[in-house]
Structures are given as structure tokens and as C-alpha cells.
Amino acid sequence: MKRLTIGLLVVFGGLLMTPAWAGLKPGDAAPDFTAQAAVGGKDFTFSLSDALKRGPVVLYFYPKSFTRGCTIEAHEFAEAADSFAQAGATLIGMSKDTIETQRKFSTEECRDKFPVAADPAASVIRSYDAVRIAPTASGETVSERISYVIAPEGKVIYSYSDPAPDKHIENTLAVVRKWREEHQN
């Protein structure tokens, strides 16, 4: 019995840690939001509803600016920013960091190519069900690494959750290109 209990705890505990439970699913309504954001070190107010008027939005959540994985992901999104723009998509990253941190991150790691939004109260992160289940080693709550593609009508058409930054850019860009191909006039 003790062995079974330990086994169930390991399996159940492992399931709680999996990001597959986190996040909105394709077909879900994307919660509208406005947030303080920065691009090229300059502040502005990002509005999802305004951005959707121009086409699909790639919204990606990441745990913490200036950490290894988040820096890699920002560099890769920066390299692909022109491709997202050519496909008609707006790209924005978001973390729980302050706007002061995002100003610096937008310049140094996003290379002035795309904005990052500040969500220090994690209200947008919560509305997108993107809160990391396990807090960081310091006990801080942060977001999962999860990427969404949101269609202009406000529906999630793709979500991808993986702690590794590797496939987020490639996958979201492929979805945006496919969407564009299907919706060209």
C-alpha cells in the first residue's frame, strides 16, 4: 500500500507540474487587455483589441526578463520579428516584470524589434491561465512559457506551452503564415 501511495503521489505530482494543463486552448476567447509596454526602451500602452484590428497577434508569456531561456527566446523572436510583420502579425511578449525592467529588456534582448509588456500584478497572466504552477526557487509566482496566436476576431487559434524556448518562434510563425494564406483576399 505504501508503494502504491508513493507511486500515485509521484504520478499526480508530475501531472501537476506539466504545462499541458496550463493555458487557453484553440477556440477559446482571448481575454482583452491593455498593458504598459516598451519597445526600443520607450513606453506605450498596448491594447490587444487595437492590435487585432490590424491582424493576428502573437502573445507570448515568459517567466522572467534577463534569465537564460527568456533571453534566448527574446533573441529568436527579434530575429524573426520582420517575418511576423511580413505575415501581418503583431508580436508582443509579456512577463510579470516591471515596466522599468521591460524598457531595458526591450532594447538589450528584444533588440528594439518588438514590444514587451509589464504585468507585475499578473492579472493578464492569470486571465490567460498562464501562471506557473510551481513558484520559482525564491517563492515568486511567474508565468509559464506559453505562446498564443490570436485571430483578429479575438479567438485563440494556437497555443503552445513548453519550458524550453526552442519551438515557440517556429511554431507560432508557421500558424500565422497558414492563417494569412487562408485569409488573403
C-alpha atoms as a PDB file:
ATOM      1  CA  MET A   1       0.000   0.000   0.000  1.00  0.00           C
ATOM      2  CA  LYS A   2       2.832   2.395   0.865  1.00  0.00           C
ATOM      3  CA  ARG A   3       4.442   1.744  -2.544  1.00  0.00           C
ATOM      4  CA  LEU A   4       1.135   2.446  -4.334  1.00  0.00           C
ATOM      5  CA  THR A   5       0.634   5.683  -2.409  1.00  0.00           C
ATOM      6  CA  ILE A   6       4.138   6.895  -3.226  1.00  0.00           C
ATOM      7  CA  GLY A   7       3.647   5.920  -6.875  1.00  0.00           C
ATOM      8  CA  LEU A   8       0.366   7.838  -7.068  1.00  0.00           C
ATOM      9  CA  LEU A   9       1.956  10.882  -5.446  1.00  0.00           C
ATOM     10  CA  VAL A  10       4.790  10.818  -7.973  1.00  0.00           C
ATOM     11  CA  VAL A  11       2.404  10.467 -10.933  1.00  0.00           C
ATOM     12  CA  PHE A  12      -0.076  13.046  -9.601  1.00  0.00           C
ATOM     13  CA  GLY A  13       2.716  15.442  -8.624  1.00  0.00           C
ATOM     14  CA  GLY A  14       4.272  15.065 -12.073  1.00  0.00           C
ATOM     15  CA  LEU A  15       0.944  15.851 -13.703  1.00  0.00           C
ATOM     16  CA  LEU A  16       0.566  18.989 -11.633  1.00  0.00           C
ATOM     17  CA  MET A  17       3.949  20.170 -12.865  1.00  0.00           C
ATOM     18  CA  THR A  18       3.163  19.625 -16.539  1.00  0.00           C
ATOM     19  CA  PRO A  19       2.416  22.750 -18.540  1.00  0.00           C
ATOM     20  CA  ALA A  20      -0.138  20.826 -20.606  1.00  0.00           C
ATOM     21  CA  TRP A  21      -2.765  21.787 -18.002  1.00  0.00           C
ATOM     22  CA  ALA A  22      -1.958  25.470 -18.297  1.00  0.00           C
ATOM     23  CA  GLY A  23      -3.247  27.869 -20.848  1.00  0.00           C
ATOM     24  CA  LEU A  24      -6.171  28.626 -23.062  1.00  0.00           C
ATOM     25  CA  LYS A  25      -6.998  26.238 -25.880  1.00  0.00           C
ATOM     26  CA  PRO A  26      -7.713  26.904 -29.564  1.00  0.00           C
ATOM     27  CA  GLY A  27     -11.262  28.196 -29.913  1.00  0.00           C
ATOM     28  CA  ASP A  28     -11.220  29.950 -26.523  1.00  0.00           C
ATOM     29  CA  ALA A  29     -11.916  33.677 -26.432  1.00  0.00           C
ATOM     30  CA  ALA A  30      -8.710  35.624 -25.792  1.00  0.00           C
ATOM     31  CA  PRO A  31      -9.247  37.971 -22.845  1.00  0.00           C
ATOM     32  CA  ASP A  32      -8.914  41.580 -23.953  1.00  0.00           C
ATOM     33  CA  PHE A  33      -6.355  43.674 -22.113  1.00  0.00           C
ATOM     34  CA  THR A  34      -4.309  46.829 -22.138  1.00  0.00           C
ATOM     35  CA  ALA A  35      -0.878  46.902 -20.546  1.00  0.00           C
ATOM     36  CA  GLN A  36       2.132  49.129 -20.169  1.00  0.00           C
ATOM     37  CA  ALA A  37       4.707  48.012 -22.693  1.00  0.00           C
ATOM     38  CA  ALA A  38       8.049  49.107 -24.053  1.00  0.00           C
ATOM     39  CA  VAL A  39       9.747  48.850 -27.401  1.00  0.00           C
ATOM     40  CA  GLY A  40      13.180  50.261 -28.027  1.00  0.00           C
ATOM     41  CA  GLY A  41      13.214  51.472 -24.418  1.00  0.00           C
ATOM     42  CA  LYS A  42      10.151  53.684 -24.933  1.00  0.00           C
ATOM     43  CA  ASP A  43       6.864  53.203 -23.081  1.00  0.00           C
ATOM     44  CA  PHE A  44       3.432  52.939 -24.670  1.00  0.00           C
ATOM     45  CA  THR A  45       0.081  51.361 -23.867  1.00  0.00           C
ATOM     46  CA  PHE A  46      -0.515  48.110 -25.712  1.00  0.00           C
ATOM     47  CA  SER A  47      -4.154  47.282 -26.437  1.00  0.00           C
ATOM     48  CA  LEU A  48      -4.998  43.787 -27.658  1.00  0.00           C
ATOM     49  CA  SER A  49      -8.250  44.946 -29.264  1.00  0.00           C
ATOM     50  CA  ASP A  50      -6.419  47.679 -31.198  1.00  0.00           C
ATOM     51  CA  ALA A  51      -3.699  45.275 -32.344  1.00  0.00           C
ATOM     52  CA  LEU A  52      -6.281  42.723 -33.528  1.00  0.00           C
ATOM     53  CA  LYS A  53      -7.743  45.347 -35.876  1.00  0.00           C
ATOM     54  CA  ARG A  54      -4.503  45.053 -37.875  1.00  0.00           C
ATOM     55  CA  GLY A  55      -4.360  41.246 -37.973  1.00  0.00           C
ATOM     56  CA  PRO A  56      -3.432  38.291 -35.782  1.00  0.00           C
ATOM     57  CA  VAL A  57      -1.462  38.781 -32.573  1.00  0.00           C
ATOM     58  CA  VAL A  58       1.283  36.537 -31.271  1.00  0.00           C
ATOM     59  CA  LEU A  59       1.248  36.933 -27.497  1.00  0.00           C
ATOM     60  CA  TYR A  60       3.943  35.051 -25.677  1.00  0.00           C
ATOM     61  CA  PHE A  61       4.364  34.790 -21.941  1.00  0.00           C
ATOM     62  CA  TYR A  62       7.773  34.175 -20.423  1.00  0.00           C
ATOM     63  CA  PRO A  63       8.855  33.736 -16.808  1.00  0.00           C
ATOM     64  CA  LYS A  64      11.414  36.497 -16.193  1.00  0.00           C
ATOM     65  CA  SER A  65      13.368  39.024 -18.214  1.00  0.00           C
ATOM     66  CA  PHE A  66      17.140  38.586 -18.378  1.00  0.00           C
ATOM     67  CA  THR A  67      17.090  34.893 -17.469  1.00  0.00           C
ATOM     68  CA  ARG A  68      18.817  32.433 -19.785  1.00  0.00           C
ATOM     69  CA  GLY A  69      15.785  30.868 -21.507  1.00  0.00           C
ATOM     70  CA  CYS A  70      13.887  34.137 -21.739  1.00  0.00           C
ATOM     71  CA  THR A  71      16.871  35.908 -23.263  1.00  0.00           C
ATOM     72  CA  ILE A  72      17.282  33.131 -25.852  1.00  0.00           C
ATOM     73  CA  GLU A  73      13.579  33.347 -26.699  1.00  0.00           C
ATOM     74  CA  ALA A  74      13.704  37.160 -26.997  1.00  0.00           C
ATOM     75  CA  HIS A  75      16.706  36.954 -29.337  1.00  0.00           C
ATOM     76  CA  GLU A  76      14.930  34.395 -31.539  1.00  0.00           C
ATOM     77  CA  PHE A  77      11.711  36.414 -31.661  1.00  0.00           C
ATOM     78  CA  ALA A  78      13.796  39.502 -32.521  1.00  0.00           C
ATOM     79  CA  GLU A  79      15.438  37.632 -35.405  1.00  0.00           C
ATOM     80  CA  ALA A  80      12.005  36.605 -36.688  1.00  0.00           C
ATOM     81  CA  ALA A  81      10.211  39.914 -36.000  1.00  0.00           C
ATOM     82  CA  ASP A  82      10.343  41.009 -39.645  1.00  0.00           C
ATOM     83  CA  SER A  83       8.884  37.654 -40.738  1.00  0.00           C
ATOM     84  CA  PHE A  84       5.984  38.068 -38.310  1.00  0.00           C
ATOM     85  CA  ALA A  85       5.393  41.609 -39.623  1.00  0.00           C
ATOM     86  CA  GLN A  86       5.503  40.406 -43.250  1.00  0.00           C
ATOM     87  CA  ALA A  87       2.866  37.811 -42.352  1.00  0.00           C
ATOM     88  CA  GLY A  88       0.725  40.625 -40.917  1.00  0.00           C
ATOM     89  CA  ALA A  89       1.038  39.689 -37.244  1.00  0.00           C
ATOM     90  CA  THR A  90       1.682  41.843 -34.226  1.00  0.00           C
ATOM     91  CA  LEU A  91       4.200  40.312 -31.832  1.00  0.00           C
ATOM     92  CA  ILE A  92       4.306  41.035 -28.091  1.00  0.00           C
ATOM     93  CA  GLY A  93       5.953  39.353 -25.134  1.00  0.00           C
ATOM     94  CA  MET A  94       4.737  39.620 -21.550  1.00  0.00           C
ATOM     95  CA  SER A  95       6.101  38.792 -18.132  1.00  0.00           C
ATOM     96  CA  LYS A  96       5.483  39.778 -14.529  1.00  0.00           C
ATOM     97  CA  ASP A  97       8.450  42.150 -14.651  1.00  0.00           C
ATOM     98  CA  THR A  98       8.044  45.884 -14.083  1.00  0.00           C
ATOM     99  CA  ILE A  99       7.929  48.410 -16.898  1.00  0.00           C
ATOM    100  CA  GLU A 100      11.388  49.628 -15.853  1.00  0.00           C
ATOM    101  CA  THR A 101      12.779  46.133 -16.443  1.00  0.00           C
ATOM    102  CA  GLN A 102      10.843  45.785 -19.707  1.00  0.00           C
ATOM    103  CA  ARG A 103      12.257  49.075 -21.010  1.00  0.00           C
ATOM    104  CA  LYS A 104      15.770  47.709 -20.660  1.00  0.00           C
ATOM    105  CA  PHE A 105      14.832  44.200 -21.890  1.00  0.00           C
ATOM    106  CA  SER A 106      13.134  45.651 -24.998  1.00  0.00           C
ATOM    107  CA  THR A 107      16.372  47.307 -26.019  1.00  0.00           C
ATOM    108  CA  GLU A 108      19.028  44.852 -24.895  1.00  0.00           C
ATOM    109  CA  GLU A 109      17.396  41.484 -25.563  1.00  0.00           C
ATOM    110  CA  CYS A 110      14.479  42.222 -27.904  1.00  0.00           C
ATOM    111  CA  ARG A 111      16.892  44.398 -29.875  1.00  0.00           C
ATOM    112  CA  ASP A 112      14.299  47.148 -30.429  1.00  0.00           C
ATOM    113  CA  LYS A 113      12.397  44.772 -32.740  1.00  0.00           C
ATOM    114  CA  PHE A 114       9.183  44.117 -30.798  1.00  0.00           C
ATOM    115  CA  PRO A 115       7.472  45.201 -27.579  1.00  0.00           C
ATOM    116  CA  VAL A 116       7.332  43.516 -24.209  1.00  0.00           C
ATOM    117  CA  ALA A 117       4.560  44.251 -21.725  1.00  0.00           C
ATOM    118  CA  ALA A 118       4.721  44.511 -17.955  1.00  0.00           C
ATOM    119  CA  ASP A 119       2.203  42.607 -15.847  1.00  0.00           C
ATOM    120  CA  PRO A 120       3.568  42.988 -12.294  1.00  0.00           C
ATOM    121  CA  ALA A 121       0.194  42.089 -10.723  1.00  0.00           C
ATOM    122  CA  ALA A 122      -0.034  39.038 -13.048  1.00  0.00           C
ATOM    123  CA  SER A 123      -3.628  39.924 -13.929  1.00  0.00           C
ATOM    124  CA  VAL A 124      -3.220  39.266 -17.658  1.00  0.00           C
ATOM    125  CA  ILE A 125      -1.085  36.208 -16.923  1.00  0.00           C
ATOM    126  CA  ARG A 126      -3.919  34.827 -14.755  1.00  0.00           C
ATOM    127  CA  SER A 127      -6.610  35.662 -17.332  1.00  0.00           C
ATOM    128  CA  TYR A 128      -4.684  33.607 -19.900  1.00  0.00           C
ATOM    129  CA  ASP A 129      -4.256  30.760 -17.410  1.00  0.00           C
ATOM    130  CA  ALA A 130      -0.501  31.123 -17.812  1.00  0.00           C
ATOM    131  CA  VAL A 131       0.607  31.143 -14.163  1.00  0.00           C
ATOM    132  CA  ARG A 132       3.381  28.660 -13.498  1.00  0.00           C
ATOM    133  CA  ILE A 133       2.048  26.044 -11.119  1.00  0.00           C
ATOM    134  CA  ALA A 134       5.277  25.779  -9.144  1.00  0.00           C
ATOM    135  CA  PRO A 135       6.744  29.063  -7.894  1.00  0.00           C
ATOM    136  CA  THR A 136      10.387  29.861  -8.514  1.00  0.00           C
ATOM    137  CA  ALA A 137      13.080  28.849  -6.032  1.00  0.00           C
ATOM    138  CA  SER A 138      12.639  32.260  -4.387  1.00  0.00           C
ATOM    139  CA  GLY A 139       8.888  31.612  -3.995  1.00  0.00           C
ATOM    140  CA  GLU A 140       7.912  34.142  -6.655  1.00  0.00           C
ATOM    141  CA  THR A 141       4.950  33.449  -8.909  1.00  0.00           C
ATOM    142  CA  VAL A 142       5.800  33.810 -12.598  1.00  0.00           C
ATOM    143  CA  SER A 143       4.218  32.831 -15.894  1.00  0.00           C
ATOM    144  CA  GLU A 144       4.680  29.655 -17.847  1.00  0.00           C
ATOM    145  CA  ARG A 145       6.496  29.885 -21.144  1.00  0.00           C
ATOM    146  CA  ILE A 146       3.414  29.784 -23.342  1.00  0.00           C
ATOM    147  CA  SER A 147       2.722  31.285 -26.749  1.00  0.00           C
ATOM    148  CA  TYR A 148      -0.623  32.129 -28.299  1.00  0.00           C
ATOM    149  CA  VAL A 149      -1.726  33.105 -31.771  1.00  0.00           C
ATOM    150  CA  ILE A 150      -4.928  35.118 -31.576  1.00  0.00           C
ATOM    151  CA  ALA A 151      -7.059  35.687 -34.687  1.00  0.00           C
ATOM    152  CA  PRO A 152      -8.485  39.168 -35.398  1.00  0.00           C
ATOM    153  CA  GLU A 153     -11.926  38.066 -34.184  1.00  0.00           C
ATOM    154  CA  GLY A 154     -10.405  37.509 -30.736  1.00  0.00           C
ATOM    155  CA  LYS A 155     -10.208  33.708 -30.648  1.00  0.00           C
ATOM    156  CA  VAL A 156      -7.132  31.705 -29.768  1.00  0.00           C
ATOM    157  CA  ILE A 157      -6.157  29.712 -32.854  1.00  0.00           C
ATOM    158  CA  TYR A 158      -2.969  28.214 -31.425  1.00  0.00           C
ATOM    159  CA  SER A 159      -1.343  27.730 -28.048  1.00  0.00           C
ATOM    160  CA  TYR A 160       1.996  26.159 -27.245  1.00  0.00           C
ATOM    161  CA  SER A 161       3.352  25.591 -23.766  1.00  0.00           C
ATOM    162  CA  ASP A 162       6.879  24.325 -23.241  1.00  0.00           C
ATOM    163  CA  PRO A 163       9.523  25.398 -20.723  1.00  0.00           C
ATOM    164  CA  ALA A 164      12.146  25.283 -23.486  1.00  0.00           C
ATOM    165  CA  PRO A 165      12.118  28.316 -25.803  1.00  0.00           C
ATOM    166  CA  ASP A 166      13.146  26.262 -28.855  1.00  0.00           C
ATOM    167  CA  LYS A 167       9.892  25.784 -30.800  1.00  0.00           C
ATOM    168  CA  HIS A 168       7.839  28.832 -29.791  1.00  0.00           C
ATOM    169  CA  ILE A 169       9.013  31.053 -32.631  1.00  0.00           C
ATOM    170  CA  GLU A 170       8.965  28.411 -35.359  1.00  0.00           C
ATOM    171  CA  ASN A 171       5.517  27.112 -34.364  1.00  0.00           C
ATOM    172  CA  THR A 172       3.777  30.479 -33.990  1.00  0.00           C
ATOM    173  CA  LEU A 173       5.241  31.824 -37.229  1.00  0.00           C
ATOM    174  CA  ALA A 174       4.014  28.730 -39.113  1.00  0.00           C
ATOM    175  CA  VAL A 175       0.496  29.221 -37.712  1.00  0.00           C
ATOM    176  CA  VAL A 176       0.473  32.933 -38.606  1.00  0.00           C
ATOM    177  CA  ARG A 177       1.633  32.180 -42.156  1.00  0.00           C
ATOM    178  CA  LYS A 178      -1.013  29.481 -42.565  1.00  0.00           C
ATOM    179  CA  TRP A 179      -3.700  31.813 -41.210  1.00  0.00           C
ATOM    180  CA  ARG A 180      -2.583  34.566 -43.610  1.00  0.00           C
ATOM    181  CA  GLU A 181      -2.623  32.166 -46.548  1.00  0.00           C
ATOM    182  CA  GLU A 182      -6.175  31.084 -45.698  1.00  0.00           C
ATOM    183  CA  HIS A 183      -7.420  34.678 -45.225  1.00  0.00           C
ATOM    184  CA  GLN A 184      -5.855  36.521 -48.146  1.00  0.00           C
ATOM    185  CA  ASN A 185      -8.323  38.382 -50.340  1.00  0.00           C
END
